[in-house]
Amino acid sequence: MSDDSERIPLHLVGRLKPRRSKFDSLLQLLPADDRSRSVLDAISRDFELVIGRSARARHRESGDEMGKNGFKHYCDKHYGDVRLVDKDGTESDHPSGVYWWGAGHDLPGRRVVIRSSRTAEERLVVPRNKHEGEQS
């Protein structure tokens, strides 16, 4: 018989399914050819992923930022698709921006910047002592 400390509360049993992302299937794929690798390298040279309150792609030269959907459309127009191969050797084409954005890729030159979600003013605020200013 199992120990009570190992039991999962019944109200949580139905909620303990692993979370799946639409990127999960892409994470199993790798660039299949030199052209696809060069496209991903070009995106990595031009953009960096900025993580803060929300994830944004920032163009390194201009400083312009865009969300995931805008970045995907930009990459579709300027870079096109990349050919990816799975562990079984099956090749397929995918949008370059979606693949580049997906977390967990170990692409050379892909830079992720973590930005604080608080403003500089919020970081400088010192908590006040609740007795400060009181006369004794």
N, C-alpha and C. Protein backbone atom coordinates (compact mmCIF):
# COMPACT_ATOMS: atom_id res chain seq x y z
N MET A 1 0.85 -1.19 0.00
CA MET A 1 0.00 0.00 0.00
C MET A 1 0.88 1.24 0.00
N SER A 2 0.49 2.27 -0.73
CA SER A 2 1.32 3.47 -0.83
C SER A 2 1.11 4.39 0.36
N ASP A 3 2.12 5.17 0.62
CA ASP A 3 2.10 6.15 1.70
C ASP A 3 1.18 7.30 1.30
N ASP A 4 0.45 7.88 2.27
CA ASP A 4 -0.47 8.99 1.97
C ASP A 4 0.26 10.19 1.40
N SER A 5 1.55 10.37 1.72
CA SER A 5 2.28 11.53 1.20
C SER A 5 2.52 11.42 -0.30
N GLU A 6 2.40 10.22 -0.88
CA GLU A 6 2.60 10.03 -2.31
C GLU A 6 1.31 10.17 -3.11
N ARG A 7 0.21 10.25 -2.47
CA ARG A 7 -1.07 10.33 -3.17
C ARG A 7 -1.31 11.70 -3.76
N ILE A 8 -1.95 11.70 -4.90
CA ILE A 8 -2.32 12.95 -5.56
C ILE A 8 -3.77 13.25 -5.22
N PRO A 9 -4.07 14.47 -4.77
CA PRO A 9 -5.46 14.81 -4.47
C PRO A 9 -6.36 14.55 -5.67
N LEU A 10 -7.53 13.97 -5.44
CA LEU A 10 -8.44 13.58 -6.52
C LEU A 10 -8.83 14.75 -7.41
N HIS A 11 -8.98 15.95 -6.83
CA HIS A 11 -9.40 17.09 -7.66
C HIS A 11 -8.30 17.52 -8.65
N LEU A 12 -7.05 17.03 -8.49
CA LEU A 12 -5.97 17.37 -9.40
C LEU A 12 -5.69 16.29 -10.44
N VAL A 13 -6.21 15.10 -10.26
CA VAL A 13 -5.88 13.99 -11.13
C VAL A 13 -6.18 14.28 -12.59
N GLY A 14 -7.31 14.85 -12.91
CA GLY A 14 -7.67 15.14 -14.29
C GLY A 14 -6.88 16.28 -14.89
N ARG A 15 -6.21 17.08 -14.07
CA ARG A 15 -5.47 18.25 -14.56
C ARG A 15 -3.99 17.97 -14.78
N LEU A 16 -3.52 16.79 -14.47
CA LEU A 16 -2.09 16.51 -14.54
C LEU A 16 -1.65 15.95 -15.88
N LYS A 17 -2.14 16.52 -16.93
CA LYS A 17 -1.72 16.13 -18.27
C LYS A 17 -0.53 16.99 -18.67
N PRO A 18 0.45 16.40 -19.36
CA PRO A 18 1.58 17.22 -19.78
C PRO A 18 1.12 18.29 -20.77
N ARG A 19 1.64 19.49 -20.58
CA ARG A 19 1.28 20.58 -21.48
C ARG A 19 2.04 20.41 -22.78
N ARG A 20 1.33 20.50 -23.87
CA ARG A 20 1.94 20.36 -25.18
C ARG A 20 1.83 21.69 -25.92
N SER A 21 2.87 22.02 -26.58
CA SER A 21 2.92 23.24 -27.36
C SER A 21 2.90 22.88 -28.84
N LYS A 22 2.46 23.82 -29.68
CA LYS A 22 2.52 23.55 -31.11
C LYS A 22 3.96 23.51 -31.60
N PHE A 23 4.91 23.98 -30.77
CA PHE A 23 6.32 23.91 -31.13
C PHE A 23 6.93 22.55 -30.81
N ASP A 24 6.26 21.73 -29.99
CA ASP A 24 6.84 20.44 -29.59
C ASP A 24 7.25 19.59 -30.77
N SER A 25 6.43 19.53 -31.79
CA SER A 25 6.78 18.70 -32.95
C SER A 25 7.94 19.31 -33.73
N LEU A 26 8.05 20.65 -33.77
CA LEU A 26 9.15 21.29 -34.49
C LEU A 26 10.47 21.11 -33.77
N LEU A 27 10.43 20.95 -32.44
CA LEU A 27 11.67 20.81 -31.68
C LEU A 27 12.40 19.52 -32.01
N GLN A 28 11.71 18.56 -32.59
CA GLN A 28 12.32 17.29 -32.96
C GLN A 28 12.97 17.34 -34.34
N LEU A 29 12.87 18.47 -35.03
CA LEU A 29 13.36 18.60 -36.40
C LEU A 29 14.65 19.41 -36.44
N LEU A 30 15.47 19.12 -37.45
CA LEU A 30 16.73 19.84 -37.66
C LEU A 30 16.79 20.34 -39.10
N PRO A 31 17.55 21.42 -39.35
CA PRO A 31 17.70 21.89 -40.73
C PRO A 31 18.28 20.78 -41.61
N ALA A 32 17.70 20.61 -42.79
CA ALA A 32 18.06 19.49 -43.66
C ALA A 32 19.16 19.83 -44.66
N ASP A 33 19.36 21.11 -44.95
CA ASP A 33 20.33 21.45 -45.99
C ASP A 33 21.03 22.75 -45.68
N ASP A 34 22.06 23.07 -46.48
CA ASP A 34 22.86 24.28 -46.26
C ASP A 34 22.02 25.54 -46.43
N ARG A 35 21.10 25.54 -47.39
CA ARG A 35 20.25 26.72 -47.60
C ARG A 35 19.42 27.02 -46.36
N SER A 36 18.83 26.00 -45.75
CA SER A 36 18.02 26.20 -44.55
C SER A 36 18.86 26.70 -43.39
N ARG A 37 20.06 26.15 -43.24
CA ARG A 37 20.95 26.62 -42.18
C ARG A 37 21.36 28.07 -42.41
N SER A 38 21.61 28.43 -43.66
CA SER A 38 22.00 29.82 -43.94
C SER A 38 20.84 30.79 -43.70
N VAL A 39 19.61 30.36 -43.99
CA VAL A 39 18.43 31.20 -43.71
C VAL A 39 18.31 31.43 -42.20
N LEU A 40 18.44 30.37 -41.42
CA LEU A 40 18.34 30.51 -39.97
C LEU A 40 19.49 31.34 -39.41
N ASP A 41 20.68 31.21 -39.98
CA ASP A 41 21.81 32.04 -39.58
C ASP A 41 21.55 33.51 -39.87
N ALA A 42 20.95 33.78 -41.03
CA ALA A 42 20.63 35.17 -41.41
C ALA A 42 19.62 35.77 -40.44
N ILE A 43 18.62 34.99 -40.06
CA ILE A 43 17.63 35.48 -39.08
C ILE A 43 18.33 35.77 -37.76
N SER A 44 19.23 34.88 -37.34
CA SER A 44 19.95 35.07 -36.08
C SER A 44 20.87 36.29 -36.12
N ARG A 45 21.42 36.59 -37.29
CA ARG A 45 22.24 37.80 -37.42
C ARG A 45 21.39 39.05 -37.35
N ASP A 46 20.17 38.98 -37.89
CA ASP A 46 19.32 40.16 -37.98
C ASP A 46 18.46 40.41 -36.74
N PHE A 47 18.13 39.35 -35.98
CA PHE A 47 17.18 39.47 -34.88
C PHE A 47 17.72 38.86 -33.60
N GLU A 48 17.17 39.32 -32.50
CA GLU A 48 17.38 38.69 -31.20
C GLU A 48 16.02 38.57 -30.53
N LEU A 49 15.86 37.53 -29.72
CA LEU A 49 14.60 37.29 -29.02
C LEU A 49 14.68 37.95 -27.66
N VAL A 50 13.74 38.84 -27.37
CA VAL A 50 13.73 39.58 -26.11
C VAL A 50 12.59 39.04 -25.25
N ILE A 51 12.94 38.56 -24.06
CA ILE A 51 11.96 38.00 -23.14
C ILE A 51 11.74 39.00 -22.02
N GLY A 52 10.50 39.34 -21.75
CA GLY A 52 10.13 40.25 -20.67
C GLY A 52 8.70 39.96 -20.29
N ARG A 53 7.88 40.98 -20.24
CA ARG A 53 6.46 40.74 -19.98
C ARG A 53 5.86 39.89 -21.09
N SER A 54 6.37 40.06 -22.28
CA SER A 54 6.00 39.21 -23.41
C SER A 54 7.24 39.03 -24.28
N ALA A 55 7.26 37.97 -25.06
CA ALA A 55 8.40 37.73 -25.94
C ALA A 55 8.24 38.57 -27.19
N ARG A 56 9.33 39.17 -27.63
CA ARG A 56 9.35 40.01 -28.82
C ARG A 56 10.63 39.71 -29.59
N ALA A 57 10.57 39.83 -30.89
CA ALA A 57 11.77 39.74 -31.72
C ALA A 57 12.21 41.17 -32.01
N ARG A 58 13.49 41.46 -31.75
CA ARG A 58 14.00 42.82 -31.98
C ARG A 58 15.02 42.77 -33.12
N HIS A 59 14.79 43.62 -34.12
CA HIS A 59 15.73 43.75 -35.23
C HIS A 59 16.97 44.44 -34.67
N ARG A 60 18.11 43.82 -34.80
CA ARG A 60 19.34 44.33 -34.17
C ARG A 60 19.77 45.68 -34.72
N GLU A 61 19.62 45.89 -36.01
CA GLU A 61 20.09 47.13 -36.62
C GLU A 61 19.16 48.31 -36.33
N SER A 62 17.86 48.11 -36.51
CA SER A 62 16.92 49.23 -36.37
C SER A 62 16.35 49.35 -34.96
N GLY A 63 16.35 48.25 -34.19
CA GLY A 63 15.74 48.28 -32.86
C GLY A 63 14.24 48.04 -32.88
N ASP A 64 13.66 47.86 -34.08
CA ASP A 64 12.22 47.59 -34.18
C ASP A 64 11.90 46.25 -33.53
N GLU A 65 10.75 46.21 -32.84
CA GLU A 65 10.32 44.98 -32.19
C GLU A 65 8.99 44.52 -32.76
N MET A 66 8.80 43.21 -32.77
CA MET A 66 7.52 42.66 -33.23
C MET A 66 7.19 41.41 -32.44
N GLY A 67 5.90 41.14 -32.34
CA GLY A 67 5.42 39.95 -31.66
C GLY A 67 5.59 38.72 -32.53
N LYS A 68 5.16 37.59 -32.01
CA LYS A 68 5.36 36.31 -32.69
C LYS A 68 4.70 36.28 -34.07
N ASN A 69 3.45 36.72 -34.16
CA ASN A 69 2.75 36.68 -35.45
C ASN A 69 3.37 37.63 -36.47
N GLY A 70 3.70 38.84 -36.04
CA GLY A 70 4.35 39.79 -36.94
C GLY A 70 5.70 39.28 -37.40
N PHE A 71 6.45 38.67 -36.50
CA PHE A 71 7.75 38.11 -36.84
C PHE A 71 7.61 36.97 -37.85
N LYS A 72 6.62 36.12 -37.64
CA LYS A 72 6.37 35.00 -38.56
C LYS A 72 6.08 35.54 -39.96
N HIS A 73 5.22 36.54 -40.06
CA HIS A 73 4.87 37.11 -41.36
C HIS A 73 6.08 37.81 -42.00
N TYR A 74 6.86 38.51 -41.20
CA TYR A 74 8.06 39.17 -41.71
C TYR A 74 9.02 38.14 -42.29
N CYS A 75 9.25 37.06 -41.55
CA CYS A 75 10.18 36.02 -42.02
C CYS A 75 9.63 35.31 -43.26
N ASP A 76 8.32 35.09 -43.31
CA ASP A 76 7.72 34.47 -44.50
C ASP A 76 8.03 35.31 -45.74
N LYS A 77 7.92 36.63 -45.60
CA LYS A 77 8.12 37.53 -46.73
C LYS A 77 9.60 37.68 -47.10
N HIS A 78 10.48 37.80 -46.08
CA HIS A 78 11.88 38.12 -46.35
C HIS A 78 12.83 36.92 -46.39
N TYR A 79 12.48 35.84 -45.74
CA TYR A 79 13.40 34.69 -45.68
C TYR A 79 12.82 33.41 -46.28
N GLY A 80 11.51 33.26 -46.27
CA GLY A 80 10.88 32.07 -46.83
C GLY A 80 10.88 30.88 -45.88
N ASP A 81 10.68 29.71 -46.43
CA ASP A 81 10.61 28.48 -45.65
C ASP A 81 11.99 27.86 -45.47
N VAL A 82 12.07 26.94 -44.50
CA VAL A 82 13.26 26.13 -44.32
C VAL A 82 12.87 24.67 -44.44
N ARG A 83 13.79 23.87 -44.95
CA ARG A 83 13.56 22.43 -45.08
C ARG A 83 14.14 21.77 -43.84
N LEU A 84 13.28 21.01 -43.15
CA LEU A 84 13.68 20.35 -41.91
C LEU A 84 13.57 18.84 -42.08
N VAL A 85 14.37 18.13 -41.30
CA VAL A 85 14.38 16.67 -41.36
C VAL A 85 14.14 16.12 -39.95
N ASP A 86 13.33 15.06 -39.86
CA ASP A 86 13.09 14.44 -38.55
C ASP A 86 14.05 13.27 -38.35
N LYS A 87 13.93 12.61 -37.20
CA LYS A 87 14.86 11.52 -36.86
C LYS A 87 14.75 10.33 -37.81
N ASP A 88 13.63 10.21 -38.52
CA ASP A 88 13.45 9.11 -39.48
C ASP A 88 13.96 9.46 -40.87
N GLY A 89 14.43 10.71 -41.04
CA GLY A 89 14.94 11.14 -42.34
C GLY A 89 13.91 11.75 -43.26
N THR A 90 12.69 11.96 -42.77
CA THR A 90 11.63 12.57 -43.58
C THR A 90 11.83 14.08 -43.60
N GLU A 91 11.88 14.64 -44.80
CA GLU A 91 12.06 16.09 -44.96
C GLU A 91 10.72 16.77 -45.22
N SER A 92 10.59 17.99 -44.69
CA SER A 92 9.38 18.78 -44.92
C SER A 92 9.73 20.26 -44.79
N ASP A 93 8.94 21.11 -45.44
CA ASP A 93 9.16 22.56 -45.39
C ASP A 93 8.31 23.17 -44.29
N HIS A 94 8.91 24.17 -43.59
CA HIS A 94 8.22 24.86 -42.50
C HIS A 94 8.57 26.34 -42.55
N PRO A 95 7.70 27.20 -42.02
CA PRO A 95 8.01 28.64 -41.97
C PRO A 95 9.25 28.89 -41.13
N SER A 96 10.19 29.65 -41.67
CA SER A 96 11.46 29.89 -40.97
C SER A 96 11.26 30.63 -39.65
N GLY A 97 10.34 31.60 -39.61
CA GLY A 97 10.12 32.37 -38.40
C GLY A 97 9.55 31.54 -37.27
N VAL A 98 8.67 30.61 -37.58
CA VAL A 98 8.08 29.74 -36.55
C VAL A 98 9.16 28.85 -35.97
N TYR A 99 10.00 28.27 -36.83
CA TYR A 99 11.06 27.39 -36.35
C TYR A 99 12.08 28.16 -35.51
N TRP A 100 12.50 29.34 -35.98
CA TRP A 100 13.49 30.14 -35.26
C TRP A 100 12.96 30.57 -33.90
N TRP A 101 11.68 30.95 -33.84
CA TRP A 101 11.08 31.46 -32.60
C TRP A 101 10.96 30.36 -31.56
N GLY A 102 10.72 29.14 -31.99
CA GLY A 102 10.46 28.03 -31.06
C GLY A 102 11.55 27.89 -30.02
N ALA A 103 11.15 27.81 -28.79
CA ALA A 103 12.11 27.68 -27.69
C ALA A 103 12.84 26.37 -27.76
N GLY A 104 14.07 26.34 -27.28
CA GLY A 104 14.83 25.12 -27.19
C GLY A 104 15.75 24.86 -28.36
N HIS A 105 15.74 25.70 -29.36
CA HIS A 105 16.63 25.48 -30.49
C HIS A 105 18.03 25.95 -30.13
N ASP A 106 18.99 25.18 -30.47
CA ASP A 106 20.38 25.54 -30.24
C ASP A 106 20.98 26.01 -31.55
N LEU A 107 20.49 27.14 -32.04
CA LEU A 107 20.97 27.68 -33.30
C LEU A 107 22.17 28.58 -33.04
N PRO A 108 23.24 28.42 -33.81
CA PRO A 108 24.40 29.30 -33.64
C PRO A 108 24.00 30.75 -33.88
N GLY A 109 24.41 31.62 -33.00
CA GLY A 109 24.14 33.04 -33.17
C GLY A 109 22.78 33.49 -32.70
N ARG A 110 21.91 32.58 -32.30
CA ARG A 110 20.58 32.97 -31.81
C ARG A 110 20.75 33.54 -30.42
N ARG A 111 20.36 34.79 -30.26
CA ARG A 111 20.57 35.49 -29.00
C ARG A 111 19.23 35.72 -28.32
N VAL A 112 19.16 35.39 -27.03
CA VAL A 112 17.97 35.63 -26.23
C VAL A 112 18.34 36.64 -25.16
N VAL A 113 17.59 37.74 -25.10
CA VAL A 113 17.82 38.79 -24.13
C VAL A 113 16.68 38.75 -23.12
N ILE A 114 17.01 38.76 -21.84
CA ILE A 114 15.97 38.76 -20.81
C ILE A 114 15.85 40.18 -20.28
N ARG A 115 14.65 40.72 -20.42
CA ARG A 115 14.37 42.10 -20.01
C ARG A 115 13.51 42.06 -18.76
N SER A 116 13.85 42.87 -17.78
CA SER A 116 13.05 42.94 -16.57
C SER A 116 11.66 43.43 -16.89
N SER A 117 10.67 42.87 -16.21
CA SER A 117 9.30 43.31 -16.47
C SER A 117 8.97 44.57 -15.68
N ARG A 118 9.89 45.00 -14.80
CA ARG A 118 9.67 46.24 -14.05
C ARG A 118 10.44 47.38 -14.70
N THR A 119 9.92 48.58 -14.60
CA THR A 119 10.61 49.75 -15.14
C THR A 119 11.74 50.14 -14.21
N ALA A 120 12.63 50.99 -14.70
CA ALA A 120 13.75 51.46 -13.88
C ALA A 120 13.26 52.15 -12.62
N GLU A 121 12.18 52.92 -12.74
CA GLU A 121 11.64 53.63 -11.58
C GLU A 121 11.12 52.64 -10.54
N GLU A 122 10.47 51.57 -10.99
CA GLU A 122 9.95 50.56 -10.06
C GLU A 122 11.09 49.85 -9.33
N ARG A 123 12.23 49.64 -10.02
CA ARG A 123 13.36 48.97 -9.38
C ARG A 123 14.04 49.86 -8.36
N LEU A 124 13.94 51.20 -8.53
CA LEU A 124 14.62 52.12 -7.63
C LEU A 124 13.80 52.46 -6.38
N VAL A 125 12.53 52.11 -6.36
CA VAL A 125 11.68 52.44 -5.21
C VAL A 125 12.12 51.59 -4.02
N VAL A 126 12.43 52.27 -2.93
CA VAL A 126 12.83 51.60 -1.71
C VAL A 126 11.60 51.49 -0.82
N PRO A 127 11.29 50.29 -0.31
CA PRO A 127 10.12 50.17 0.56
C PRO A 127 10.26 51.07 1.78
N ARG A 128 9.20 51.78 2.09
CA ARG A 128 9.24 52.69 3.23
C ARG A 128 8.94 51.94 4.51
N ASN A 129 9.60 52.35 5.54
CA ASN A 129 9.35 51.80 6.87
C ASN A 129 7.99 52.36 7.30
N LYS A 130 7.11 51.49 7.82
CA LYS A 130 5.76 51.96 8.14
C LYS A 130 5.77 52.95 9.28
N HIS A 131 6.85 53.01 10.06
CA HIS A 131 6.92 53.95 11.17
C HIS A 131 7.71 55.22 10.81
N GLU A 132 8.19 55.28 9.56
CA GLU A 132 8.97 56.43 9.14
C GLU A 132 8.12 57.69 9.17
N GLY A 133 8.66 58.72 9.77
CA GLY A 133 7.95 59.99 9.81
C GLY A 133 7.02 60.13 11.01
N GLU A 134 6.82 59.06 11.77
CA GLU A 134 5.95 59.16 12.94
C GLU A 134 6.72 59.79 14.10
N GLN A 135 6.04 60.59 14.85
CA GLN A 135 6.62 61.20 16.05
C GLN A 135 6.40 60.26 17.23
N SER A 136 7.45 60.10 18.07
CA SER A 136 7.25 59.25 19.23
C SER A 136 7.02 60.04 20.48
